[in-house]
Amino acid sequence: MKLSNLSRRSLLSGSAALLAPAAITADLFAQAPKSDGQPSAENKDKTASAKRPLRQTKTLVLEPSWTLVYENGELELRSDHSVVLQDGHIADIVSGPVRGLDDRLSMKGQLLIPGMISGHTHVAGGSCSRGLIESGRLWSGPLFAIEKLDDDDLDALTAYNLAEILRGGCTTQVEQSLSLKQMKSYVRVARAWGVRGYPGGMVPGWSRLMPIWQRESDQVLFDSVPDTLAEIQENLEFGLSINGAEDGRILPMMAPQGPETHTPETLRAVVEAAKQLGNGIHTHLATMVEDVGKMERLWGKGPVQWLDEFGFYDMPFFGAHLGGWNAKRDAPFLGARKKFTYCHCPSGAGAGGPAITQPFIHALAAGINTNVGLDTHSNDMLENAKLAVLYGRLRHDLAADGDIPGRRPTVWDMIKCVTLNPANGLGRSDLGRISVGAKADLTSIDVSGFFVGPGTAPPEPLNNLLYASGLHVRNVMTEGVVQVRDGHLVVDDERKVIERGGAVAREIWAQLRSEDWFTPTAR
């Protein structure tokens, strides 16, 4: 099946005019809709055209009810401040309205936060497996089917999922694509839409992974080394070809699947490749107890400390899950590694799955730089950040872990884990914060309306995020380019993105039905 309307050529040319770093969508929003979402009669034409962002280098003034600013090394809430954008950066933050004739975007009843950052994604894999795996089916079936797609269909699936991620307010992804093929698709769509990404192709890639990961004999691992070294080289070559693309918005990482599928030889090759790219490493780390047992038996150390022998902690290093770590040994070790970021994924392996037991509260207590990420099946950053806090509080209050120190998470932990913490982990003082000179990567969230607020701007808006989801995100921009406006994708035809993504999902499901993959669900 060909989805030619979302071909690589159309992705790269149709939106090219949107992506200059100085681009700001401004003229179209000079007279924004009223706070109830309905335009005044005299502004109907302007509002109708607001779904087609144009290049604009003029000043744009954002007028939210609340702004999460960065002052003196901390995040602080400020009411009724204006944020002035110029040339893709934050030029000023002013108490009250800004005088003059500059274009402005009203965000009445909304909280303006930095664009959220997910430290662990597998973008293409979400929508076609969501809702199918929560009753116990393995997620591997749909993910194998993705690898069989041609590039046009794969791009359509990637676009649907990346549209959801943007729609939920996440402007930067640390992306571990399940293969180099999927990494290339992610890069095509991210470049077309002005998304900021740190992509890497997982090594071993999906087509080779399972026999190595689920091996019964370690000889399988040792025999895999030549092919794994070849994969590392292929990923490095592609990474070098796109490193710094789109004025630095595309910065590839090396992304080994996890230490349990590698040997000293391949890990040394990963580190050398990462040094050439200069952007860091991203991996699954101590995902399961059995993974840790493999490492200890083979190498005499658990994965967390074994990787130190190869220099992983000498560069930005994102490690996801830690479900099988040795907390007493590994927590203080990781707390002392200042370039390490732990990524907790509450929806990993599906909603309500085993990821809820990941050690989020213990990482906080140990002083580990901690992020909340999307993983695969959920693309809603707000929902995952909220779940991290709610699950974490439950786990803390039940004291299920006895003598392992944990910290009861706060809403400030929640917001830092999707903004400031991952930005610091990436070594980016220009991301994850609203301060003068930072990139204009920004997300506004309705905290006043139905289900989340009281009908007006609330006095403590971070608490209202505990009632929010990605559907409450109203506006999203990267370097001042508006990508979501009033809750709708505007860097592409939203309806077509949905239709094309759905068509590919149906194709995958048909293949799975032919393989009798759809077993009855538990009642």
Protein backbone atom coordinates (compact mmCIF):
# COMPACT_ATOMS: atom_id res chain seq x y z
CA MET A 1 0.00 0.00 0.00
CA LYS A 2 1.44 3.38 -1.02
CA LEU A 3 0.59 6.57 0.81
CA SER A 4 2.20 8.77 -1.78
CA ASN A 5 0.64 11.97 -0.46
CA LEU A 6 3.00 11.69 2.49
CA SER A 7 6.08 10.79 0.51
CA ARG A 8 9.54 11.77 1.63
CA ARG A 9 9.61 14.41 -1.11
CA SER A 10 6.42 16.07 0.09
CA LEU A 11 7.54 15.95 3.71
CA LEU A 12 10.81 17.67 2.92
CA SER A 13 9.51 20.23 0.44
CA GLY A 14 5.94 20.98 1.48
CA SER A 15 6.91 22.39 4.86
CA ALA A 16 10.40 23.65 4.08
CA ALA A 17 9.36 27.29 4.26
CA LEU A 18 8.34 26.85 7.88
CA LEU A 19 11.65 25.82 9.30
CA ALA A 20 14.00 28.79 9.35
CA PRO A 21 15.26 29.32 12.89
CA ALA A 22 14.04 32.90 12.90
CA ALA A 23 10.54 31.93 11.84
CA ILE A 24 7.76 33.13 14.10
CA THR A 25 4.09 32.66 13.31
CA ALA A 26 2.85 36.12 14.12
CA ASP A 27 0.75 38.02 11.58
CA LEU A 28 -1.86 35.29 11.52
CA PHE A 29 -2.32 35.56 15.29
CA ALA A 30 -2.31 39.32 15.66
CA GLN A 31 -5.99 39.13 16.58
CA ALA A 32 -6.41 35.82 18.37
CA PRO A 33 -9.74 34.10 19.05
CA LYS A 34 -11.60 34.98 22.22
CA SER A 35 -10.86 32.92 25.30
CA ASP A 36 -13.87 30.69 24.68
CA GLY A 37 -12.28 29.58 21.41
CA GLN A 38 -14.82 31.39 19.21
CA PRO A 39 -13.61 34.20 16.92
CA SER A 40 -15.36 37.53 16.81
CA ALA A 41 -17.25 38.14 13.60
CA GLU A 42 -14.69 40.61 12.27
CA ASN A 43 -11.85 38.12 12.80
CA LYS A 44 -13.37 35.02 11.22
CA ASP A 45 -11.20 35.26 8.11
CA LYS A 46 -7.98 35.68 10.07
CA THR A 47 -8.86 32.84 12.39
CA ALA A 48 -9.71 30.53 9.51
CA SER A 49 -6.26 31.16 8.03
CA ALA A 50 -4.52 30.63 11.36
CA LYS A 51 -4.09 26.94 10.61
CA ARG A 52 -1.54 27.75 7.91
CA PRO A 53 1.63 29.04 9.60
CA LEU A 54 3.89 31.32 7.59
CA ARG A 55 7.47 32.41 7.97
CA GLN A 56 7.60 35.54 10.05
CA THR A 57 10.54 37.34 11.60
CA LYS A 58 8.61 40.01 13.49
CA THR A 59 8.38 40.20 17.24
CA LEU A 60 5.69 38.03 18.82
CA VAL A 61 4.36 38.69 22.33
CA LEU A 62 2.81 35.80 24.28
CA GLU A 63 0.24 36.74 26.94
CA PRO A 64 -0.46 33.78 29.25
CA SER A 65 -2.20 33.96 32.62
CA TRP A 66 0.72 32.10 34.24
CA THR A 67 4.33 31.63 33.14
CA LEU A 68 6.85 29.16 34.54
CA VAL A 69 10.00 31.25 34.41
CA TYR A 70 13.60 30.38 35.26
CA GLU A 71 15.15 32.71 37.82
CA ASN A 72 18.33 32.31 39.86
CA GLY A 73 18.68 28.64 38.95
CA GLU A 74 15.09 27.71 39.84
CA LEU A 75 11.69 27.45 38.18
CA GLU A 76 9.20 30.02 39.48
CA LEU A 77 5.56 30.80 38.70
CA ARG A 78 4.70 34.32 37.61
CA SER A 79 1.18 35.55 36.89
CA ASP A 80 0.26 37.99 34.13
CA HIS A 81 3.71 38.25 32.55
CA SER A 82 4.32 38.76 28.84
CA VAL A 83 6.98 36.76 27.01
CA VAL A 84 8.56 38.48 24.02
CA LEU A 85 9.94 36.32 21.19
CA GLN A 86 12.37 37.41 18.50
CA ASP A 87 14.27 35.33 15.96
CA GLY A 88 13.40 32.02 17.60
CA HIS A 89 14.57 33.07 21.08
CA ILE A 90 13.06 34.58 24.21
CA ALA A 91 13.98 38.26 24.06
CA ASP A 92 12.27 39.55 27.20
CA ILE A 93 9.92 38.61 30.05
CA VAL A 94 7.85 41.54 31.27
CA SER A 95 5.35 41.94 34.11
CA GLY A 96 2.00 42.94 32.67
CA PRO A 97 1.17 43.75 29.05
CA VAL A 98 3.71 45.00 26.53
CA ARG A 99 2.88 48.29 24.89
CA GLY A 100 3.17 48.78 21.16
CA LEU A 101 1.93 47.31 17.92
CA ASP A 102 3.86 44.04 17.96
CA ASP A 103 1.92 40.92 17.09
CA ARG A 104 0.64 39.03 20.11
CA LEU A 105 -0.90 35.70 21.01
CA SER A 106 -3.44 35.72 23.84
CA MET A 107 -3.21 32.74 26.19
CA LYS A 108 -5.84 33.73 28.73
CA GLY A 109 -6.44 30.97 31.27
CA GLN A 110 -3.31 29.14 30.14
CA LEU A 111 -0.01 28.20 31.79
CA LEU A 112 3.08 28.74 29.62
CA ILE A 113 5.88 26.23 30.26
CA PRO A 114 9.05 25.29 28.38
CA GLY A 115 8.52 22.81 25.57
CA MET A 116 8.57 19.40 27.23
CA ILE A 117 11.41 16.93 26.62
CA SER A 118 11.02 13.15 26.52
CA GLY A 119 14.24 11.33 27.30
CA HIS A 120 13.11 8.01 25.85
CA THR A 121 10.89 7.43 22.79
CA HIS A 122 10.36 4.84 20.08
CA VAL A 123 8.16 7.13 18.01
CA ALA A 124 6.89 4.89 15.20
CA GLY A 125 5.78 2.08 17.50
CA GLY A 126 3.01 3.75 19.47
CA SER A 127 -0.31 3.97 17.69
CA CYS A 128 -0.42 0.52 16.06
CA SER A 129 0.13 -1.32 19.36
CA ARG A 130 -1.80 0.91 21.76
CA GLY A 131 -4.95 -0.73 23.07
CA LEU A 132 -3.88 -4.18 21.91
CA ILE A 133 -1.25 -5.14 24.49
CA GLU A 134 -2.76 -4.04 27.81
CA SER A 135 -4.39 -7.42 28.50
CA GLY A 136 -1.15 -9.33 28.17
CA ARG A 137 -0.39 -9.71 24.46
CA LEU A 138 3.24 -9.15 23.57
CA TRP A 139 4.05 -5.81 21.96
CA SER A 140 6.59 -7.46 19.66
CA GLY A 141 4.02 -8.47 17.02
CA PRO A 142 3.05 -4.96 15.87
CA LEU A 143 6.65 -3.81 16.08
CA PHE A 144 7.83 -6.60 13.80
CA ALA A 145 5.12 -5.58 11.32
CA ILE A 146 6.40 -1.99 11.27
CA GLU A 147 9.78 -3.15 9.97
CA LYS A 148 8.06 -4.58 6.86
CA LEU A 149 6.54 -1.24 5.82
CA ASP A 150 7.87 0.67 2.84
CA ASP A 151 9.23 4.15 3.46
CA ASP A 152 6.04 6.01 2.55
CA ASP A 153 3.89 3.94 4.89
CA LEU A 154 6.51 4.13 7.62
CA ASP A 155 6.63 7.92 7.28
CA ALA A 156 2.83 8.06 7.56
CA LEU A 157 2.97 6.04 10.78
CA THR A 158 5.84 8.12 12.16
CA ALA A 159 3.99 11.32 11.27
CA TYR A 160 0.84 10.25 13.12
CA ASN A 161 2.80 9.47 16.27
CA LEU A 162 5.00 12.56 16.08
CA ALA A 163 1.87 14.68 15.56
CA GLU A 164 0.47 13.24 18.79
CA ILE A 165 3.73 13.96 20.61
CA LEU A 166 3.71 17.57 19.41
CA ARG A 167 0.00 17.88 20.16
CA GLY A 168 0.79 16.85 23.73
CA GLY A 169 3.35 19.63 24.16
CA CYS A 170 6.61 17.68 23.72
CA THR A 171 8.97 19.64 21.47
CA THR A 172 12.15 17.54 21.95
CA GLN A 173 12.58 13.78 21.85
CA VAL A 174 15.58 11.69 22.79
CA GLU A 175 14.60 9.06 20.24
CA GLN A 176 15.74 5.45 20.16
CA SER A 177 14.22 4.34 16.86
CA LEU A 178 13.90 0.57 16.75
CA SER A 179 16.09 0.40 13.64
CA LEU A 180 18.14 2.62 11.38
CA LYS A 181 15.24 2.49 8.91
CA GLN A 182 12.91 3.92 11.56
CA MET A 183 15.50 6.51 12.57
CA LYS A 184 15.63 7.78 9.00
CA SER A 185 11.84 8.06 8.96
CA TYR A 186 11.84 9.99 12.24
CA VAL A 187 14.46 12.39 10.89
CA ARG A 188 12.49 12.99 7.68
CA VAL A 189 9.33 13.95 9.56
CA ALA A 190 11.10 15.86 12.35
CA ARG A 191 13.00 17.95 9.82
CA ALA A 192 9.84 18.75 7.87
CA TRP A 193 7.95 19.90 10.96
CA GLY A 194 10.72 21.72 12.79
CA VAL A 195 10.82 19.25 15.69
CA ARG A 196 13.92 19.11 17.88
CA GLY A 197 15.30 15.58 18.10
CA TYR A 198 18.23 13.55 19.40
CA PRO A 199 17.65 10.44 17.26
CA GLY A 200 19.52 7.17 17.28
CA GLY A 201 18.93 3.83 15.64
CA MET A 202 18.75 1.01 18.18
CA VAL A 203 21.66 -1.45 17.94
CA PRO A 204 21.04 -4.34 17.56
CA GLY A 205 18.09 -3.21 15.47
CA TRP A 206 14.67 -4.80 15.76
CA SER A 207 15.21 -7.40 13.03
CA ARG A 208 18.26 -8.81 14.90
CA LEU A 209 17.39 -8.06 18.50
CA MET A 210 15.25 -10.87 19.86
CA PRO A 211 17.55 -13.86 19.26
CA ILE A 212 20.37 -11.97 21.00
CA TRP A 213 18.33 -10.54 23.86
CA GLN A 214 16.40 -13.75 24.58
CA ARG A 215 19.29 -16.10 23.89
CA GLU A 216 19.64 -19.45 25.62
CA SER A 217 23.37 -19.60 24.92
CA ASP A 218 25.89 -16.77 25.27
CA GLN A 219 27.51 -18.00 22.08
CA VAL A 220 24.65 -16.26 20.25
CA LEU A 221 25.86 -12.97 21.72
CA PHE A 222 29.49 -13.59 20.79
CA ASP A 223 28.55 -14.65 17.26
CA SER A 224 26.55 -11.42 16.82
CA VAL A 225 29.56 -9.13 17.25
CA PRO A 226 30.53 -8.65 13.56
CA ASP A 227 26.97 -7.73 12.53
CA THR A 228 26.56 -5.45 15.54
CA LEU A 229 29.81 -3.65 14.70
CA ALA A 230 28.54 -3.19 11.15
CA GLU A 231 25.27 -1.73 12.49
CA ILE A 232 27.17 0.67 14.72
CA GLN A 233 29.15 1.87 11.70
CA GLU A 234 26.00 2.31 9.58
CA ASN A 235 24.33 4.33 12.32
CA LEU A 236 27.45 6.44 12.76
CA GLU A 237 27.67 7.21 9.05
CA PHE A 238 24.04 8.28 8.88
CA GLY A 239 24.41 10.24 12.09
CA LEU A 240 27.40 12.14 10.72
CA SER A 241 25.44 12.98 7.56
CA ILE A 242 22.68 14.73 9.54
CA ASN A 243 24.56 15.95 12.63
CA GLY A 244 23.50 19.54 13.31
CA ALA A 245 20.89 19.60 10.54
CA GLU A 246 18.10 22.19 10.61
CA ASP A 247 20.28 24.75 12.38
CA GLY A 248 21.14 22.32 15.12
CA ARG A 249 17.69 20.90 15.82
CA ILE A 250 18.76 17.39 14.72
CA LEU A 251 21.58 16.03 16.91
CA PRO A 252 21.94 12.24 16.62
CA MET A 253 23.06 10.04 19.50
CA MET A 254 24.32 6.49 19.58
CA ALA A 255 21.59 4.20 20.90
CA PRO A 256 22.67 0.70 21.93
CA GLN A 257 19.65 -1.39 22.87
CA GLY A 258 21.13 -2.24 26.26
CA PRO A 259 24.30 -3.68 27.73
CA GLU A 260 22.74 -7.17 27.86
CA THR A 261 22.95 -7.39 24.04
CA HIS A 262 26.52 -6.11 23.78
CA THR A 263 30.09 -7.19 24.45
CA PRO A 264 33.13 -5.12 25.50
CA GLU A 265 34.14 -4.86 21.83
CA THR A 266 30.80 -3.46 20.68
CA LEU A 267 30.44 -1.12 23.67
CA ARG A 268 33.87 0.37 22.95
CA ALA A 269 32.73 0.92 19.36
CA VAL A 270 29.56 2.65 20.59
CA VAL A 271 31.57 5.04 22.75
CA GLU A 272 34.01 5.87 19.96
CA ALA A 273 31.11 6.55 17.58
CA ALA A 274 29.39 8.72 20.20
CA LYS A 275 32.59 10.75 20.61
CA GLN A 276 32.58 11.45 16.88
CA LEU A 277 28.97 12.65 16.96
CA GLY A 278 29.44 14.58 20.19
CA ASN A 279 25.83 14.34 21.41
CA GLY A 280 25.86 11.47 23.91
CA ILE A 281 24.41 7.98 24.34
CA HIS A 282 20.89 6.69 24.94
CA THR A 283 20.06 3.14 26.05
CA HIS A 284 17.82 0.84 28.06
CA LEU A 285 19.55 0.29 31.39
CA ALA A 286 18.94 -2.54 33.87
CA THR A 287 15.47 -2.94 32.42
CA MET A 288 14.70 -6.28 34.06
CA VAL A 289 16.15 -8.39 36.85
CA GLU A 290 17.09 -11.14 34.41
CA ASP A 291 19.11 -8.63 32.36
CA VAL A 292 21.14 -7.78 35.43
CA GLY A 293 21.75 -11.48 36.12
CA LYS A 294 23.15 -11.97 32.63
CA MET A 295 25.61 -9.11 33.15
CA GLU A 296 26.78 -10.32 36.54
CA ARG A 297 27.30 -13.84 35.29
CA LEU A 298 29.16 -12.79 32.14
CA TRP A 299 31.14 -9.77 33.28
CA GLY A 300 31.17 -9.86 37.06
CA LYS A 301 29.22 -6.60 37.40
CA GLY A 302 25.68 -5.35 36.96
CA PRO A 303 25.02 -3.18 33.87
CA VAL A 304 24.91 0.15 35.72
CA GLN A 305 28.49 -0.10 36.92
CA TRP A 306 29.85 -2.22 34.07
CA LEU A 307 29.22 0.61 31.59
CA ASP A 308 31.54 2.83 33.59
CA GLU A 309 34.47 0.75 32.32
CA PHE A 310 33.80 2.00 28.78
CA GLY A 311 33.30 5.71 29.45
CA PHE A 312 29.51 5.92 29.11
CA TYR A 313 29.28 8.37 32.01
CA ASP A 314 31.85 10.74 30.54
CA MET A 315 29.27 12.21 28.14
CA PRO A 316 25.53 12.97 28.21
CA PHE A 317 23.99 9.58 28.92
CA PHE A 318 20.25 8.80 29.06
CA GLY A 319 19.34 5.44 30.58
CA ALA A 320 15.74 4.26 30.64
CA HIS A 321 13.81 2.12 33.13
CA LEU A 322 16.20 0.71 35.83
CA GLY A 323 13.52 -1.84 36.70
CA GLY A 324 16.16 -4.44 37.60
CA TRP A 325 18.76 -2.27 39.31
CA ASN A 326 20.32 -2.93 42.70
CA ALA A 327 19.07 0.18 44.47
CA LYS A 328 21.48 0.11 47.43
CA ARG A 329 24.48 -0.25 45.16
CA ASP A 330 23.40 1.60 42.01
CA ALA A 331 21.50 4.59 43.42
CA PRO A 332 24.50 6.33 45.04
CA PHE A 333 26.67 5.38 42.07
CA LEU A 334 24.31 7.07 39.58
CA GLY A 335 23.67 10.00 41.90
CA ALA A 336 27.37 10.85 41.62
CA ARG A 337 27.37 10.70 37.79
CA LYS A 338 26.47 14.25 36.82
CA LYS A 339 26.14 13.58 33.09
CA PHE A 340 23.68 10.73 33.62
CA THR A 341 19.92 11.15 33.29
CA TYR A 342 17.49 8.45 34.37
CA CYS A 343 14.34 8.28 32.24
CA HIS A 344 11.26 6.89 33.98
CA CYS A 345 8.48 5.77 31.61
CA PRO A 346 5.20 5.16 33.49
CA SER A 347 3.46 3.83 30.36
CA GLY A 348 6.35 1.66 29.15
CA ALA A 349 5.12 -1.77 27.97
CA GLY A 350 1.57 -0.37 27.92
CA ALA A 351 -0.76 1.47 30.28
CA GLY A 352 -0.90 -0.15 33.70
CA GLY A 353 2.00 -2.44 32.84
CA PRO A 354 5.13 -3.33 34.82
CA ALA A 355 6.74 0.07 34.24
CA ILE A 356 4.74 1.54 37.11
CA THR A 357 7.20 -0.15 39.48
CA GLN A 358 10.25 1.60 38.03
CA PRO A 359 12.26 3.39 40.77
CA PHE A 360 11.18 6.98 40.14
CA ILE A 361 10.91 7.91 43.82
CA HIS A 362 14.22 6.25 44.65
CA ALA A 363 16.02 8.10 41.85
CA LEU A 364 14.66 11.37 43.20
CA ALA A 365 15.81 10.48 46.71
CA ALA A 366 19.30 9.58 45.45
CA GLY A 367 19.73 12.93 43.69
CA ILE A 368 19.85 11.33 40.23
CA ASN A 369 18.96 13.71 37.40
CA THR A 370 15.53 12.31 36.52
CA ASN A 371 13.30 12.68 33.48
CA VAL A 372 9.85 11.33 32.60
CA GLY A 373 9.64 9.89 29.09
CA LEU A 374 7.07 8.49 26.70
CA ASP A 375 8.66 5.18 25.69
CA THR A 376 6.41 3.64 23.03
CA HIS A 377 2.68 3.30 23.48
CA SER A 378 1.64 6.61 25.06
CA ASN A 379 2.48 9.89 23.35
CA ASP A 380 0.98 12.09 26.09
CA MET A 381 3.75 13.80 28.07
CA LEU A 382 1.40 15.48 30.53
CA GLU A 383 -0.35 12.21 31.29
CA ASN A 384 2.93 10.41 31.87
CA ALA A 385 4.30 13.17 34.10
CA LYS A 386 1.08 13.06 36.11
CA LEU A 387 1.21 9.26 36.37
CA ALA A 388 4.81 9.41 37.59
CA VAL A 389 3.72 11.61 40.48
CA LEU A 390 0.53 9.72 41.33
CA TYR A 391 2.10 6.25 41.10
CA GLY A 392 5.13 7.56 42.95
CA ARG A 393 3.05 8.91 45.82
CA LEU A 394 1.17 5.63 46.09
CA ARG A 395 4.39 3.65 46.12
CA HIS A 396 5.94 5.94 48.70
CA ASP A 397 2.94 5.95 51.02
CA LEU A 398 2.56 2.18 50.94
CA ALA A 399 6.25 1.87 51.84
CA ALA A 400 6.42 -1.24 49.66
CA ASP A 401 10.20 -1.01 49.33
CA GLY A 402 11.08 -1.10 53.01
CA ASP A 403 14.52 0.28 53.71
CA ILE A 404 15.22 1.66 50.22
CA PRO A 405 15.08 5.48 50.49
CA GLY A 406 12.38 7.14 48.43
CA ARG A 407 11.04 10.67 48.11
CA ARG A 408 7.36 11.52 47.81
CA PRO A 409 7.18 13.39 44.48
CA THR A 410 5.75 16.90 44.24
CA VAL A 411 4.26 18.83 41.33
CA TRP A 412 7.58 20.69 41.15
CA ASP A 413 9.33 17.35 40.63
CA MET A 414 6.77 16.60 37.93
CA ILE A 415 7.41 19.76 35.94
CA LYS A 416 11.21 19.67 36.37
CA CYS A 417 11.30 16.09 35.12
CA VAL A 418 9.90 17.10 31.72
CA THR A 419 11.68 20.45 31.32
CA LEU A 420 14.73 21.55 33.27
CA ASN A 421 16.15 18.14 34.22
CA PRO A 422 16.34 16.62 30.72
CA ALA A 423 17.64 19.90 29.29
CA ASN A 424 20.44 19.85 31.86
CA GLY A 425 21.09 16.20 31.01
CA LEU A 426 21.54 17.17 27.38
CA GLY A 427 23.92 19.94 28.39
CA ARG A 428 21.48 22.55 27.05
CA SER A 429 21.20 25.75 29.07
CA ASP A 430 19.03 27.14 26.26
CA LEU A 431 16.26 24.51 26.61
CA GLY A 432 13.87 23.50 29.37
CA ARG A 433 13.53 27.00 30.80
CA ILE A 434 11.81 30.28 30.05
CA SER A 435 14.56 32.85 30.39
CA VAL A 436 16.00 35.60 28.24
CA GLY A 437 18.20 34.12 25.53
CA ALA A 438 16.74 30.60 25.70
CA LYS A 439 15.22 28.96 22.64
CA ALA A 440 11.55 29.74 22.11
CA ASP A 441 10.54 26.08 22.59
CA LEU A 442 7.26 26.64 24.43
CA THR A 443 4.00 24.93 25.36
CA SER A 444 0.82 26.49 26.71
CA ILE A 445 -1.74 24.46 28.65
CA ASP A 446 -5.31 25.35 29.52
CA VAL A 447 -5.58 25.26 33.32
CA SER A 448 -8.88 27.13 33.55
CA GLY A 449 -11.48 25.19 31.58
CA PHE A 450 -13.59 22.08 31.97
CA PHE A 451 -12.09 19.10 33.84
CA VAL A 452 -8.86 20.89 34.71
CA GLY A 453 -9.79 24.31 36.11
CA PRO A 454 -12.52 26.35 37.81
CA GLY A 455 -13.52 28.50 34.82
CA THR A 456 -10.77 31.05 35.40
CA ALA A 457 -7.01 31.05 35.89
CA PRO A 458 -6.37 29.12 39.15
CA PRO A 459 -4.12 30.37 41.98
CA GLU A 460 -1.76 27.32 41.94
CA PRO A 461 -1.70 26.10 38.33
CA LEU A 462 0.87 23.31 38.73
CA ASN A 463 -1.62 21.48 40.95
CA ASN A 464 -4.20 21.74 38.17
CA LEU A 465 -1.87 19.79 35.90
CA LEU A 466 -2.69 16.74 38.03
CA TYR A 467 -6.13 16.90 36.39
CA ALA A 468 -4.83 17.62 32.88
CA SER A 469 -3.81 15.58 29.86
CA GLY A 470 -2.33 16.35 26.48
CA LEU A 471 -5.79 17.34 25.27
CA HIS A 472 -5.47 20.47 27.42
CA VAL A 473 -2.38 21.61 25.49
CA ARG A 474 -3.34 24.62 23.37
CA ASN A 475 -0.21 25.99 21.67
CA VAL A 476 3.20 24.47 20.92
CA MET A 477 6.20 26.02 19.21
CA THR A 478 9.83 25.16 18.55
CA GLU A 479 12.21 28.07 18.07
CA GLY A 480 9.19 30.32 17.71
CA VAL A 481 7.60 28.30 14.90
CA VAL A 482 4.02 27.50 15.93
CA GLN A 483 3.38 23.80 15.34
CA VAL A 484 0.14 23.42 17.32
CA ARG A 485 -2.39 26.26 17.50
CA ASP A 486 -5.55 26.08 19.60
CA GLY A 487 -5.05 22.33 19.99
CA HIS A 488 -4.59 21.56 16.29
CA LEU A 489 -1.51 20.58 14.30
CA VAL A 490 -0.71 23.41 11.87
CA VAL A 491 2.59 22.32 10.30
CA ASP A 492 0.73 19.76 8.18
CA ASP A 493 -2.82 18.84 7.22
CA GLU A 494 -4.03 17.35 10.51
CA ARG A 495 -6.90 15.44 8.96
CA LYS A 496 -4.67 13.80 6.36
CA VAL A 497 -2.04 12.91 8.96
CA ILE A 498 -4.75 11.10 10.93
CA GLU A 499 -6.19 9.35 7.88
CA ARG A 500 -2.82 8.15 6.61
CA GLY A 501 -1.68 6.96 10.01
CA GLY A 502 -4.94 5.09 10.46
CA ALA A 503 -4.63 3.42 7.06
CA VAL A 504 -1.19 2.05 7.96
CA ALA A 505 -2.45 0.81 11.33
CA ARG A 506 -5.26 -1.09 9.59
CA GLU A 507 -2.71 -2.65 7.26
CA ILE A 508 -0.63 -3.81 10.24
CA TRP A 509 -3.67 -5.22 12.03
CA ALA A 510 -4.70 -7.15 8.92
CA GLN A 511 -1.27 -8.75 8.83
CA LEU A 512 -1.52 -9.65 12.53
CA ARG A 513 -4.97 -11.19 12.01
CA SER A 514 -3.55 -13.37 9.26
CA GLU A 515 -0.98 -14.61 11.79
CA ASP A 516 -3.66 -15.33 14.46
CA TRP A 517 -2.02 -12.77 16.71
CA PHE A 518 -5.34 -11.45 18.07
CA THR A 519 -5.91 -13.86 20.94
CA PRO A 520 -9.01 -13.39 23.17
CA THR A 521 -8.56 -10.80 25.90
CA ALA A 522 -9.03 -11.58 29.57
CA ARG A 523 -12.39 -10.79 31.17
